[in-house]
Structure formats: C-alpha cells, structure tokens
Amino acid sequence: MTPTITVIGSLNYDLVTFTNKVPEGGETYQANSFEMHMGGKGLNEAIAVARLSPDGKVNTRMVGKVGTDQFGASLKQCLVDSGVDVSNVKTVDGSSGVAVIIVEESGENRILITSGANGELKLSDEEYASIFKDDSFVVLQNEYPDTAKSITWLKKNRPDINIAYNPSPYKPELITNEILSKIDLLIVNEGEAQDVARHLLGGTVTSFDMLAVEIQKLLHQGNVKTVVITMGSEGSIFYNGESEPTFIPAKKVDSVVDTTGAGDTFFGALVSNLALGQNLEEAVNFATKASSLAIQKTGAAESIPFYKDV
C-alpha cells in the first residue's frame, strides 16, 4: 500500500534581499540583489516530501489556505508542479502569507512573517475526520494557529498516524508535557532543544546526547517514538529509545549560498524515508545529504533537491 503523508501548515511568498550586512536601526544600506520565491514551512515540507520520494511511491497532500491575491494561485501551482495533492488547500479573501527574508553574505538568514491566509487555518472536527483516514504521517509546525488542536485531535482519533512535529517558530506555550506526550517524531534544532530543557527538564542537561535521551522520554512511546536534534553545520543526533543516541555528521559543501529551507528539506526527506520503511539511520543519512544540496542554491522551495539528486 502506498503511504500517504499529509502536511498541515503555512504557504508563504518569500521576498528575499541579499546583503553584505544587516543595517542598524535608522541606517540605510545598499543591498546586493532581490528575489521572490515560494516558501512557508508547510509548503517547503510538502514539496520536500514529494520531491524526495521515489516516483509514485508516496502520496503527498497539503492542507492549508491561500489568499485571493496574485501570490495565492502561484503557491498552489507550485505544489501541483511538485506532485502535491492540493484538494485541501482553500482560498480565502485577503492576502496570502508573506515572508520578508534578509540573507547575509555568510548565508545566515533573518525572517519576518506576515501570516495572511495562514492565520485562518483552523479545521473543524468534521474537516479533520473527512481529511485524515489512514495517513502514515502528518507533518506539523507552528506557522498556523491550530497546531495544538491538530495534535490533540489526531492522537485521540487517529492514534496510528505518526505525528511529526517541528516546533518552529518556537512557541513556549506549545512545549508542554501534554503536547509532547502526543508526538511521535520530534525534530528540533539546538536552540529549540535547549528551550525544551529549560521549560521541561529544569535546564540541567549538559550534552546533546543526554538531551536527546531525556526529550525522547517525553514523547508518545508508540509508533516511531523518535527525537532528532539538528545542529546546523555540525550534523544531527537521533534517538528512539533503543540502543544509544547516534550522531550523523553534516555533509561538507564548498559553498553555502542560502540556508533558507534547509531544515524543512531535512524534515521532509526524513519523514518520506521513514514512511517508505527505511530504518532511522538510513533516513537521517538521506535527509542529511538532501539538506546539504539545498543550502547550495537560493530560495526555499526552489532549492529542495529531487530523490534522484540525493
């Protein structure tokens, strides 16, 4: 049976400025160039799942909302072009989500998000029941206002579905023992992992190995029960309660062009491989290679590689 992966989340149009430095308050600085790209963590993750799956091996679906502006149609078409089912992407009056991104010469980015239509993404119980049936994974993040309800409804009503969650942008109110106890796959970066330690573990964990072990204990202990801590250019650590935490080094590249979307690429690649039955280490290795390709191109969605490239 072909696995189905559904992403609930944001669809944004990215307005990107490239600059040697970020101006100080009140300062005007001449930037180098300007580009427009498709983005939003939800869209990026859906495209990553679709592109980083072998042809015809995974059904990828997107649940989201776009506005009636010129960006909305473009965002939906971008998903369609990548093979994502958009039957649950609805159009609402007003603007689509927009992200203003500043990319420094080093590749580091700063992002300002206006939610637009994403702010209206709240599903009724009836909509959840009609959309979600026998999905392998549902992929979630924090760029829409209903993440907590999504987690609670799915775990109560569809307990066999793996809930894969990246708590970004970080919202302390969503990092609770109750929420994490419903999560099957948690992906956090170094800062988010340390925030979890401060909020729930008393800030006493001194290494990322130990932190992975302690966070994993907070997760739902059925299904994949896995935590992954990503550490940028260093690599990542994963743990599922079996054996020992495992470190996978990052793939070194000659030139980092733009890190926007690298985390979403990693997330989508990981979930796709797990849904296809790959073991955890194989899936993390694949995701690591995929994200190393993504950072060598500009843009979020456009930089996501294809399965054959990895």
C-alpha atoms as a PDB file:
ATOM      1  CA  MET A   1       0.000   0.000   0.000  1.00  0.00           C
ATOM      2  CA  THR A   2       1.349   3.429  -0.976  1.00  0.00           C
ATOM      3  CA  PRO A   3       1.909   5.543   2.162  1.00  0.00           C
ATOM      4  CA  THR A   4       0.200   8.921   2.468  1.00  0.00           C
ATOM      5  CA  ILE A   5       1.943  11.879   4.113  1.00  0.00           C
ATOM      6  CA  THR A   6      -0.138  14.980   4.843  1.00  0.00           C
ATOM      7  CA  VAL A   7       1.344  18.345   5.740  1.00  0.00           C
ATOM      8  CA  ILE A   8      -0.746  20.911   7.622  1.00  0.00           C
ATOM      9  CA  GLY A   9       0.769  24.355   7.590  1.00  0.00           C
ATOM     10  CA  SER A  10       1.792  27.603   6.017  1.00  0.00           C
ATOM     11  CA  LEU A  11       2.159  28.704   2.427  1.00  0.00           C
ATOM     12  CA  ASN A  12       4.125  31.929   2.036  1.00  0.00           C
ATOM     13  CA  TYR A  13       5.505  34.028  -0.743  1.00  0.00           C
ATOM     14  CA  ASP A  14       9.111  34.880   0.118  1.00  0.00           C
ATOM     15  CA  LEU A  15      10.544  38.324  -0.634  1.00  0.00           C
ATOM     16  CA  VAL A  16      14.303  37.908  -0.289  1.00  0.00           C
ATOM     17  CA  THR A  17      17.022  40.550  -0.063  1.00  0.00           C
ATOM     18  CA  PHE A  18      20.708  39.593  -0.250  1.00  0.00           C
ATOM     19  CA  THR A  19      23.124  41.875   1.565  1.00  0.00           C
ATOM     20  CA  ASN A  20      26.656  42.029   2.922  1.00  0.00           C
ATOM     21  CA  LYS A  21      25.330  43.158   6.282  1.00  0.00           C
ATOM     22  CA  VAL A  22      22.071  43.910   8.104  1.00  0.00           C
ATOM     23  CA  PRO A  23      21.556  47.659   8.659  1.00  0.00           C
ATOM     24  CA  GLU A  24      21.380  49.034  12.169  1.00  0.00           C
ATOM     25  CA  GLY A  25      18.283  50.878  13.411  1.00  0.00           C
ATOM     26  CA  GLY A  26      17.799  54.063  11.361  1.00  0.00           C
ATOM     27  CA  GLU A  27      20.516  53.080   8.873  1.00  0.00           C
ATOM     28  CA  THR A  28      20.034  52.702   5.112  1.00  0.00           C
ATOM     29  CA  TYR A  29      22.316  50.221   3.409  1.00  0.00           C
ATOM     30  CA  GLN A  30      22.695  49.275  -0.246  1.00  0.00           C
ATOM     31  CA  ALA A  31      21.784  45.600  -0.708  1.00  0.00           C
ATOM     32  CA  ASN A  32      23.156  43.351  -3.428  1.00  0.00           C
ATOM     33  CA  SER A  33      20.061  41.794  -5.008  1.00  0.00           C
ATOM     34  CA  PHE A  34      16.370  40.943  -4.568  1.00  0.00           C
ATOM     35  CA  GLU A  35      14.461  37.766  -5.411  1.00  0.00           C
ATOM     36  CA  MET A  36      10.936  36.367  -5.000  1.00  0.00           C
ATOM     37  CA  HIS A  37      10.405  32.702  -4.089  1.00  0.00           C
ATOM     38  CA  MET A  38       7.747  30.275  -2.918  1.00  0.00           C
ATOM     39  CA  GLY A  39       8.042  29.310   0.744  1.00  0.00           C
ATOM     40  CA  GLY A  40       6.383  28.780   4.093  1.00  0.00           C
ATOM     41  CA  LYS A  41       7.349  25.830   6.249  1.00  0.00           C
ATOM     42  CA  GLY A  42       4.233  23.910   5.241  1.00  0.00           C
ATOM     43  CA  LEU A  43       4.788  24.340   1.521  1.00  0.00           C
ATOM     44  CA  ASN A  44       8.507  23.599   1.850  1.00  0.00           C
ATOM     45  CA  GLU A  45       7.858  20.410   3.801  1.00  0.00           C
ATOM     46  CA  ALA A  46       5.210  19.200   1.347  1.00  0.00           C
ATOM     47  CA  ILE A  47       7.478  19.809  -1.637  1.00  0.00           C
ATOM     48  CA  ALA A  48      10.374  18.140   0.193  1.00  0.00           C
ATOM     49  CA  VAL A  49       8.278  15.027   0.866  1.00  0.00           C
ATOM     50  CA  ALA A  50       7.109  14.879  -2.753  1.00  0.00           C
ATOM     51  CA  ARG A  51      10.461  15.558  -4.424  1.00  0.00           C
ATOM     52  CA  LEU A  52      12.453  13.369  -2.065  1.00  0.00           C
ATOM     53  CA  SER A  53      10.282  10.297  -2.596  1.00  0.00           C
ATOM     54  CA  PRO A  54      10.737   7.848  -5.475  1.00  0.00           C
ATOM     55  CA  ASP A  55       8.208   8.463  -8.257  1.00  0.00           C
ATOM     56  CA  GLY A  56       4.785   7.094  -7.365  1.00  0.00           C
ATOM     57  CA  LYS A  57       5.892   5.668  -4.017  1.00  0.00           C
ATOM     58  CA  VAL A  58       4.350   8.266  -1.662  1.00  0.00           C
ATOM     59  CA  ASN A  59       1.078  10.218  -1.775  1.00  0.00           C
ATOM     60  CA  THR A  60       1.809  13.770  -0.588  1.00  0.00           C
ATOM     61  CA  ARG A  61      -1.032  16.070   0.475  1.00  0.00           C
ATOM     62  CA  MET A  62      -1.133  19.684   1.634  1.00  0.00           C
ATOM     63  CA  VAL A  63      -3.711  21.204   3.996  1.00  0.00           C
ATOM     64  CA  GLY A  64      -3.529  24.988   4.019  1.00  0.00           C
ATOM     65  CA  LYS A  65      -5.022  28.311   2.976  1.00  0.00           C
ATOM     66  CA  VAL A  66      -4.011  30.987   0.465  1.00  0.00           C
ATOM     67  CA  GLY A  67      -5.382  34.433  -0.258  1.00  0.00           C
ATOM     68  CA  THR A  68      -7.121  35.931  -3.263  1.00  0.00           C
ATOM     69  CA  ASP A  69      -4.031  37.962  -4.196  1.00  0.00           C
ATOM     70  CA  GLN A  70      -1.670  37.104  -7.050  1.00  0.00           C
ATOM     71  CA  PHE A  71       0.504  35.027  -4.723  1.00  0.00           C
ATOM     72  CA  GLY A  72      -2.240  32.514  -3.849  1.00  0.00           C
ATOM     73  CA  ALA A  73      -2.595  30.922  -7.286  1.00  0.00           C
ATOM     74  CA  SER A  74       1.182  30.770  -7.686  1.00  0.00           C
ATOM     75  CA  LEU A  75       1.613  28.975  -4.360  1.00  0.00           C
ATOM     76  CA  LYS A  76      -0.963  26.316  -5.248  1.00  0.00           C
ATOM     77  CA  GLN A  77       0.540  25.817  -8.706  1.00  0.00           C
ATOM     78  CA  CYS A  78       3.993  25.371  -7.177  1.00  0.00           C
ATOM     79  CA  LEU A  79       2.636  22.476  -5.116  1.00  0.00           C
ATOM     80  CA  VAL A  80       0.853  20.944  -8.105  1.00  0.00           C
ATOM     81  CA  ASP A  81       4.045  21.139 -10.167  1.00  0.00           C
ATOM     82  CA  SER A  82       5.829  19.117  -7.474  1.00  0.00           C
ATOM     83  CA  GLY A  83       3.145  16.428  -7.413  1.00  0.00           C
ATOM     84  CA  VAL A  84       1.407  17.506  -4.195  1.00  0.00           C
ATOM     85  CA  ASP A  85      -2.361  16.991  -3.820  1.00  0.00           C
ATOM     86  CA  VAL A  86      -3.878  20.457  -3.189  1.00  0.00           C
ATOM     87  CA  SER A  87      -7.545  19.459  -2.838  1.00  0.00           C
ATOM     88  CA  ASN A  88      -7.386  20.632   0.791  1.00  0.00           C
ATOM     89  CA  VAL A  89      -5.702  23.978   0.057  1.00  0.00           C
ATOM     90  CA  LYS A  90      -8.530  26.511   0.285  1.00  0.00           C
ATOM     91  CA  THR A  91      -8.668  30.117  -0.954  1.00  0.00           C
ATOM     92  CA  VAL A  92      -9.925  32.798   1.454  1.00  0.00           C
ATOM     93  CA  ASP A  93     -10.476  36.536   0.991  1.00  0.00           C
ATOM     94  CA  GLY A  94      -7.432  38.695   1.642  1.00  0.00           C
ATOM     95  CA  SER A  95      -3.693  38.285   1.351  1.00  0.00           C
ATOM     96  CA  SER A  96      -1.625  35.133   1.286  1.00  0.00           C
ATOM     97  CA  GLY A  97       1.153  34.607   3.790  1.00  0.00           C
ATOM     98  CA  VAL A  98       4.301  36.634   3.105  1.00  0.00           C
ATOM     99  CA  ALA A  99       7.844  36.221   4.454  1.00  0.00           C
ATOM    100  CA  VAL A 100      10.416  39.007   4.213  1.00  0.00           C
ATOM    101  CA  ILE A 101      13.863  37.401   4.336  1.00  0.00           C
ATOM    102  CA  ILE A 102      17.278  39.025   4.681  1.00  0.00           C
ATOM    103  CA  VAL A 103      20.187  36.796   3.666  1.00  0.00           C
ATOM    104  CA  GLU A 104      23.687  37.857   4.690  1.00  0.00           C
ATOM    105  CA  GLU A 105      26.853  37.126   2.744  1.00  0.00           C
ATOM    106  CA  SER A 106      27.614  34.207   5.097  1.00  0.00           C
ATOM    107  CA  GLY A 107      24.317  32.539   4.150  1.00  0.00           C
ATOM    108  CA  GLU A 108      22.730  33.286   7.541  1.00  0.00           C
ATOM    109  CA  ASN A 109      19.125  34.441   7.278  1.00  0.00           C
ATOM    110  CA  ARG A 110      16.650  36.589   9.205  1.00  0.00           C
ATOM    111  CA  ILE A 111      12.927  36.201   8.542  1.00  0.00           C
ATOM    112  CA  LEU A 112       9.814  38.301   9.221  1.00  0.00           C
ATOM    113  CA  ILE A 113       6.485  36.526   8.594  1.00  0.00           C
ATOM    114  CA  THR A 114       3.049  38.037   7.961  1.00  0.00           C
ATOM    115  CA  SER A 115       0.558  35.203   8.372  1.00  0.00           C
ATOM    116  CA  GLY A 116      -2.199  36.376   5.997  1.00  0.00           C
ATOM    117  CA  ALA A 117      -4.422  33.436   4.997  1.00  0.00           C
ATOM    118  CA  ASN A 118      -2.320  31.089   7.136  1.00  0.00           C
ATOM    119  CA  GLY A 119      -3.817  32.785  10.179  1.00  0.00           C
ATOM    120  CA  GLU A 120      -7.231  31.405   9.211  1.00  0.00           C
ATOM    121  CA  LEU A 121      -6.125  27.775   9.024  1.00  0.00           C
ATOM    122  CA  LYS A 122      -8.354  26.257  11.695  1.00  0.00           C
ATOM    123  CA  LEU A 123     -10.098  22.969  10.899  1.00  0.00           C
ATOM    124  CA  SER A 124     -13.368  21.816  12.419  1.00  0.00           C
ATOM    125  CA  ASP A 125     -13.710  18.333  13.894  1.00  0.00           C
ATOM    126  CA  GLU A 126     -15.716  17.381  10.816  1.00  0.00           C
ATOM    127  CA  GLU A 127     -12.943  18.572   8.498  1.00  0.00           C
ATOM    128  CA  TYR A 128     -10.326  16.614  10.437  1.00  0.00           C
ATOM    129  CA  ALA A 129     -12.491  13.498  10.238  1.00  0.00           C
ATOM    130  CA  SER A 130     -13.055  13.826   6.496  1.00  0.00           C
ATOM    131  CA  ILE A 131      -9.422  14.585   5.602  1.00  0.00           C
ATOM    132  CA  PHE A 132      -7.481  12.142   7.778  1.00  0.00           C
ATOM    133  CA  LYS A 133      -8.073   8.423   7.322  1.00  0.00           C
ATOM    134  CA  ASP A 134      -5.072   6.104   7.031  1.00  0.00           C
ATOM    135  CA  ASP A 135      -2.132   8.509   6.674  1.00  0.00           C
ATOM    136  CA  SER A 136       1.304   7.183   7.595  1.00  0.00           C
ATOM    137  CA  PHE A 137       2.483  10.592   8.851  1.00  0.00           C
ATOM    138  CA  VAL A 138       1.003  14.026   9.453  1.00  0.00           C
ATOM    139  CA  VAL A 139       3.646  16.763   9.396  1.00  0.00           C
ATOM    140  CA  LEU A 140       3.142  19.839  11.606  1.00  0.00           C
ATOM    141  CA  GLN A 141       4.911  23.089  12.540  1.00  0.00           C
ATOM    142  CA  ASN A 142       3.940  26.382  14.207  1.00  0.00           C
ATOM    143  CA  GLU A 143       3.243  28.701  11.267  1.00  0.00           C
ATOM    144  CA  TYR A 144      -0.527  28.325  11.619  1.00  0.00           C
ATOM    145  CA  PRO A 145      -2.692  28.942  14.708  1.00  0.00           C
ATOM    146  CA  ASP A 146      -4.201  25.491  15.290  1.00  0.00           C
ATOM    147  CA  THR A 147      -1.208  23.240  15.907  1.00  0.00           C
ATOM    148  CA  ALA A 148      -2.304  22.202  19.403  1.00  0.00           C
ATOM    149  CA  LYS A 149      -5.768  21.149  18.205  1.00  0.00           C
ATOM    150  CA  SER A 150      -4.244  19.227  15.279  1.00  0.00           C
ATOM    151  CA  ILE A 151      -2.035  17.263  17.652  1.00  0.00           C
ATOM    152  CA  THR A 152      -4.807  16.598  20.162  1.00  0.00           C
ATOM    153  CA  TRP A 153      -7.437  15.577  17.587  1.00  0.00           C
ATOM    154  CA  LEU A 154      -5.102  13.289  15.649  1.00  0.00           C
ATOM    155  CA  LYS A 155      -3.746  11.444  18.680  1.00  0.00           C
ATOM    156  CA  LYS A 156      -7.244  10.958  20.101  1.00  0.00           C
ATOM    157  CA  ASN A 157      -8.998   9.972  16.890  1.00  0.00           C
ATOM    158  CA  ARG A 158      -6.241   8.588  14.635  1.00  0.00           C
ATOM    159  CA  PRO A 159      -3.681   7.154  17.100  1.00  0.00           C
ATOM    160  CA  ASP A 160      -1.949   5.001  14.466  1.00  0.00           C
ATOM    161  CA  ILE A 161      -0.904   8.054  12.450  1.00  0.00           C
ATOM    162  CA  ASN A 162       2.619   9.247  13.243  1.00  0.00           C
ATOM    163  CA  ILE A 163       2.558  12.911  14.247  1.00  0.00           C
ATOM    164  CA  ALA A 164       5.803  14.505  13.039  1.00  0.00           C
ATOM    165  CA  TYR A 165       6.375  17.922  14.610  1.00  0.00           C
ATOM    166  CA  ASN A 166       8.933  20.682  14.228  1.00  0.00           C
ATOM    167  CA  PRO A 167       8.073  23.367  16.855  1.00  0.00           C
ATOM    168  CA  SER A 168       9.205  26.286  14.707  1.00  0.00           C
ATOM    169  CA  PRO A 169       8.828  29.190  15.100  1.00  0.00           C
ATOM    170  CA  TYR A 170       9.252  28.344  18.766  1.00  0.00           C
ATOM    171  CA  LYS A 171       6.177  28.934  20.960  1.00  0.00           C
ATOM    172  CA  PRO A 172       6.722  28.126  24.669  1.00  0.00           C
ATOM    173  CA  GLU A 173       3.003  27.536  25.246  1.00  0.00           C
ATOM    174  CA  LEU A 174       3.148  24.554  22.870  1.00  0.00           C
ATOM    175  CA  ILE A 175       6.086  22.922  24.635  1.00  0.00           C
ATOM    176  CA  THR A 176       4.294  21.110  27.433  1.00  0.00           C
ATOM    177  CA  ASN A 177       4.412  17.571  28.739  1.00  0.00           C
ATOM    178  CA  GLU A 178       0.859  17.066  27.494  1.00  0.00           C
ATOM    179  CA  ILE A 179       1.653  18.130  23.921  1.00  0.00           C
ATOM    180  CA  LEU A 180       4.938  16.238  23.672  1.00  0.00           C
ATOM    181  CA  SER A 181       3.311  13.069  25.004  1.00  0.00           C
ATOM    182  CA  LYS A 182       1.254  13.009  21.795  1.00  0.00           C
ATOM    183  CA  ILE A 183       4.206  13.497  19.397  1.00  0.00           C
ATOM    184  CA  ASP A 184       5.743  10.509  17.582  1.00  0.00           C
ATOM    185  CA  LEU A 185       8.587  12.251  15.738  1.00  0.00           C
ATOM    186  CA  LEU A 186      10.045  15.489  17.084  1.00  0.00           C
ATOM    187  CA  ILE A 187      12.664  17.443  15.141  1.00  0.00           C
ATOM    188  CA  VAL A 188      14.287  20.371  16.966  1.00  0.00           C
ATOM    189  CA  ASN A 189      17.383  22.444  16.333  1.00  0.00           C
ATOM    190  CA  GLU A 190      19.987  23.150  19.018  1.00  0.00           C
ATOM    191  CA  GLY A 191      18.237  26.243  20.340  1.00  0.00           C
ATOM    192  CA  GLU A 192      14.821  24.589  20.430  1.00  0.00           C
ATOM    193  CA  ALA A 193      16.282  21.559  22.212  1.00  0.00           C
ATOM    194  CA  GLN A 194      17.802  23.835  24.853  1.00  0.00           C
ATOM    195  CA  ASP A 195      14.463  25.637  25.211  1.00  0.00           C
ATOM    196  CA  VAL A 196      12.780  22.283  25.868  1.00  0.00           C
ATOM    197  CA  ALA A 197      15.424  21.565  28.507  1.00  0.00           C
ATOM    198  CA  ARG A 198      14.756  24.904  30.230  1.00  0.00           C
ATOM    199  CA  HIS A 199      10.970  24.562  30.116  1.00  0.00           C
ATOM    200  CA  LEU A 200      10.521  20.899  30.969  1.00  0.00           C
ATOM    201  CA  LEU A 201      13.797  19.461  32.228  1.00  0.00           C
ATOM    202  CA  GLY A 202      14.978  22.182  34.578  1.00  0.00           C
ATOM    203  CA  GLY A 203      17.833  23.146  32.276  1.00  0.00           C
ATOM    204  CA  THR A 204      20.068  20.526  33.860  1.00  0.00           C
ATOM    205  CA  VAL A 205      21.007  18.504  30.755  1.00  0.00           C
ATOM    206  CA  THR A 206      24.598  19.235  29.770  1.00  0.00           C
ATOM    207  CA  SER A 207      25.108  17.400  26.444  1.00  0.00           C
ATOM    208  CA  PHE A 208      23.010  16.914  23.331  1.00  0.00           C
ATOM    209  CA  ASP A 209      23.327  13.128  23.694  1.00  0.00           C
ATOM    210  CA  MET A 210      21.772  13.320  27.141  1.00  0.00           C
ATOM    211  CA  LEU A 211      19.242  15.876  25.935  1.00  0.00           C
ATOM    212  CA  ALA A 212      18.095  13.538  23.146  1.00  0.00           C
ATOM    213  CA  VAL A 213      17.568  10.764  25.707  1.00  0.00           C
ATOM    214  CA  GLU A 214      15.594  12.989  28.077  1.00  0.00           C
ATOM    215  CA  ILE A 215      13.423  14.545  25.350  1.00  0.00           C
ATOM    216  CA  GLN A 216      12.655  11.123  23.880  1.00  0.00           C
ATOM    217  CA  LYS A 217      11.169  10.070  27.216  1.00  0.00           C
ATOM    218  CA  LEU A 218       8.634  12.907  26.878  1.00  0.00           C
ATOM    219  CA  LEU A 219       7.291  11.658  23.529  1.00  0.00           C
ATOM    220  CA  HIS A 220       4.487   9.220  22.762  1.00  0.00           C
ATOM    221  CA  GLN A 221       6.045   5.793  23.220  1.00  0.00           C
ATOM    222  CA  GLY A 222       4.143   4.069  20.410  1.00  0.00           C
ATOM    223  CA  ASN A 223       4.753   4.389  16.676  1.00  0.00           C
ATOM    224  CA  VAL A 224       8.218   5.775  15.751  1.00  0.00           C
ATOM    225  CA  LYS A 225       8.909   7.482  19.156  1.00  0.00           C
ATOM    226  CA  THR A 226      11.904   9.404  17.820  1.00  0.00           C
ATOM    227  CA  VAL A 227      13.638  12.702  18.546  1.00  0.00           C
ATOM    228  CA  VAL A 228      16.128  14.308  16.159  1.00  0.00           C
ATOM    229  CA  ILE A 229      18.271  17.280  17.215  1.00  0.00           C
ATOM    230  CA  THR A 230      19.792  19.137  14.269  1.00  0.00           C
ATOM    231  CA  MET A 231      22.971  21.130  14.845  1.00  0.00           C
ATOM    232  CA  GLY A 232      23.497  23.038  11.620  1.00  0.00           C
ATOM    233  CA  SER A 233      26.923  22.577  10.090  1.00  0.00           C
ATOM    234  CA  GLU A 234      27.870  20.016  12.741  1.00  0.00           C
ATOM    235  CA  GLY A 235      25.225  17.393  11.925  1.00  0.00           C
ATOM    236  CA  SER A 236      22.427  15.801  13.952  1.00  0.00           C
ATOM    237  CA  ILE A 237      21.711  13.396  16.799  1.00  0.00           C
ATOM    238  CA  PHE A 238      18.780  11.000  16.804  1.00  0.00           C
ATOM    239  CA  TYR A 239      17.334   8.634  19.400  1.00  0.00           C
ATOM    240  CA  ASN A 240      14.251   6.401  19.548  1.00  0.00           C
ATOM    241  CA  GLY A 241      14.689   4.819  22.981  1.00  0.00           C
ATOM    242  CA  GLU A 242      16.655   1.883  21.633  1.00  0.00           C
ATOM    243  CA  SER A 243      20.436   1.411  21.727  1.00  0.00           C
ATOM    244  CA  GLU A 244      22.266   4.737  22.162  1.00  0.00           C
ATOM    245  CA  PRO A 245      21.844   8.231  20.696  1.00  0.00           C
ATOM    246  CA  THR A 246      23.500   8.331  17.265  1.00  0.00           C
ATOM    247  CA  PHE A 247      25.396  11.268  15.759  1.00  0.00           C
ATOM    248  CA  ILE A 248      25.411  11.804  11.988  1.00  0.00           C
ATOM    249  CA  PRO A 249      27.887  14.445  10.781  1.00  0.00           C
ATOM    250  CA  ALA A 250      26.812  17.054   8.253  1.00  0.00           C
ATOM    251  CA  LYS A 251      27.996  16.736   4.668  1.00  0.00           C
ATOM    252  CA  LYS A 252      30.624  19.371   3.983  1.00  0.00           C
ATOM    253  CA  VAL A 253      29.995  21.603   0.969  1.00  0.00           C
ATOM    254  CA  ASP A 254      32.276  24.034  -0.846  1.00  0.00           C
ATOM    255  CA  SER A 255      29.868  26.963  -0.780  1.00  0.00           C
ATOM    256  CA  VAL A 256      26.877  27.766   1.437  1.00  0.00           C
ATOM    257  CA  VAL A 257      24.588  30.002  -0.637  1.00  0.00           C
ATOM    258  CA  ASP A 258      21.347  30.150   1.384  1.00  0.00           C
ATOM    259  CA  THR A 259      20.257  28.123   4.417  1.00  0.00           C
ATOM    260  CA  THR A 260      16.573  29.053   3.994  1.00  0.00           C
ATOM    261  CA  GLY A 261      14.528  25.861   3.773  1.00  0.00           C
ATOM    262  CA  ALA A 262      17.361  23.521   4.725  1.00  0.00           C
ATOM    263  CA  GLY A 263      15.589  22.383   7.890  1.00  0.00           C
ATOM    264  CA  ASP A 264      12.334  21.819   6.008  1.00  0.00           C
ATOM    265  CA  THR A 265      14.214  19.789   3.389  1.00  0.00           C
ATOM    266  CA  PHE A 266      15.722  17.630   6.137  1.00  0.00           C
ATOM    267  CA  PHE A 267      12.311  17.153   7.764  1.00  0.00           C
ATOM    268  CA  GLY A 268      10.523  16.180   4.544  1.00  0.00           C
ATOM    269  CA  ALA A 269      13.268  13.806   3.475  1.00  0.00           C
ATOM    270  CA  LEU A 270      13.319  12.106   6.872  1.00  0.00           C
ATOM    271  CA  VAL A 271       9.552  11.598   7.025  1.00  0.00           C
ATOM    272  CA  SER A 272       9.389  10.319   3.446  1.00  0.00           C
ATOM    273  CA  ASN A 273      12.086   7.715   4.081  1.00  0.00           C
ATOM    274  CA  LEU A 274      10.525   6.552   7.334  1.00  0.00           C
ATOM    275  CA  ALA A 275       7.128   6.215   5.643  1.00  0.00           C
ATOM    276  CA  LEU A 276       8.784   4.038   2.987  1.00  0.00           C
ATOM    277  CA  GLY A 277      10.121   1.702   5.664  1.00  0.00           C
ATOM    278  CA  GLN A 278      13.765   2.802   5.822  1.00  0.00           C
ATOM    279  CA  ASN A 279      15.425   2.413   9.196  1.00  0.00           C
ATOM    280  CA  LEU A 280      16.116   5.530  11.230  1.00  0.00           C
ATOM    281  CA  GLU A 281      19.841   5.806  10.500  1.00  0.00           C
ATOM    282  CA  GLU A 282      19.297   5.369   6.754  1.00  0.00           C
ATOM    283  CA  ALA A 283      16.564   8.005   6.821  1.00  0.00           C
ATOM    284  CA  VAL A 284      18.707  10.533   8.725  1.00  0.00           C
ATOM    285  CA  ASN A 285      21.646   9.954   6.377  1.00  0.00           C
ATOM    286  CA  PHE A 286      19.418  10.554   3.359  1.00  0.00           C
ATOM    287  CA  ALA A 287      17.957  13.704   4.932  1.00  0.00           C
ATOM    288  CA  THR A 288      21.456  14.979   5.715  1.00  0.00           C
ATOM    289  CA  LYS A 289      22.524  14.608   2.092  1.00  0.00           C
ATOM    290  CA  ALA A 290      19.327  16.282   0.883  1.00  0.00           C
ATOM    291  CA  SER A 291      19.785  19.333   3.112  1.00  0.00           C
ATOM    292  CA  SER A 292      23.434  19.661   2.046  1.00  0.00           C
ATOM    293  CA  LEU A 293      22.235  20.046  -1.540  1.00  0.00           C
ATOM    294  CA  ALA A 294      19.532  22.551  -0.565  1.00  0.00           C
ATOM    295  CA  ILE A 295      21.968  25.043   1.018  1.00  0.00           C
ATOM    296  CA  GLN A 296      23.913  25.334  -2.227  1.00  0.00           C
ATOM    297  CA  LYS A 297      21.044  27.127  -4.017  1.00  0.00           C
ATOM    298  CA  THR A 298      18.944  30.220  -3.356  1.00  0.00           C
ATOM    299  CA  GLY A 299      15.322  30.130  -2.324  1.00  0.00           C
ATOM    300  CA  ALA A 300      13.368  27.789  -0.095  1.00  0.00           C
ATOM    301  CA  ALA A 301      11.118  25.645  -2.286  1.00  0.00           C
ATOM    302  CA  GLU A 302      13.297  26.049  -5.378  1.00  0.00           C
ATOM    303  CA  SER A 303      16.404  24.773  -3.600  1.00  0.00           C
ATOM    304  CA  ILE A 304      14.833  21.476  -2.495  1.00  0.00           C
ATOM    305  CA  PRO A 305      16.505  18.666  -4.456  1.00  0.00           C
ATOM    306  CA  PHE A 306      14.900  15.614  -6.031  1.00  0.00           C
ATOM    307  CA  TYR A 307      15.227  11.994  -4.947  1.00  0.00           C
ATOM    308  CA  LYS A 308      17.489  11.151  -7.904  1.00  0.00           C
ATOM    309  CA  ASP A 309      19.841  14.046  -6.993  1.00  0.00           C
ATOM    310  CA  VAL A 310      20.370  12.663  -3.485  1.00  0.00           C
END
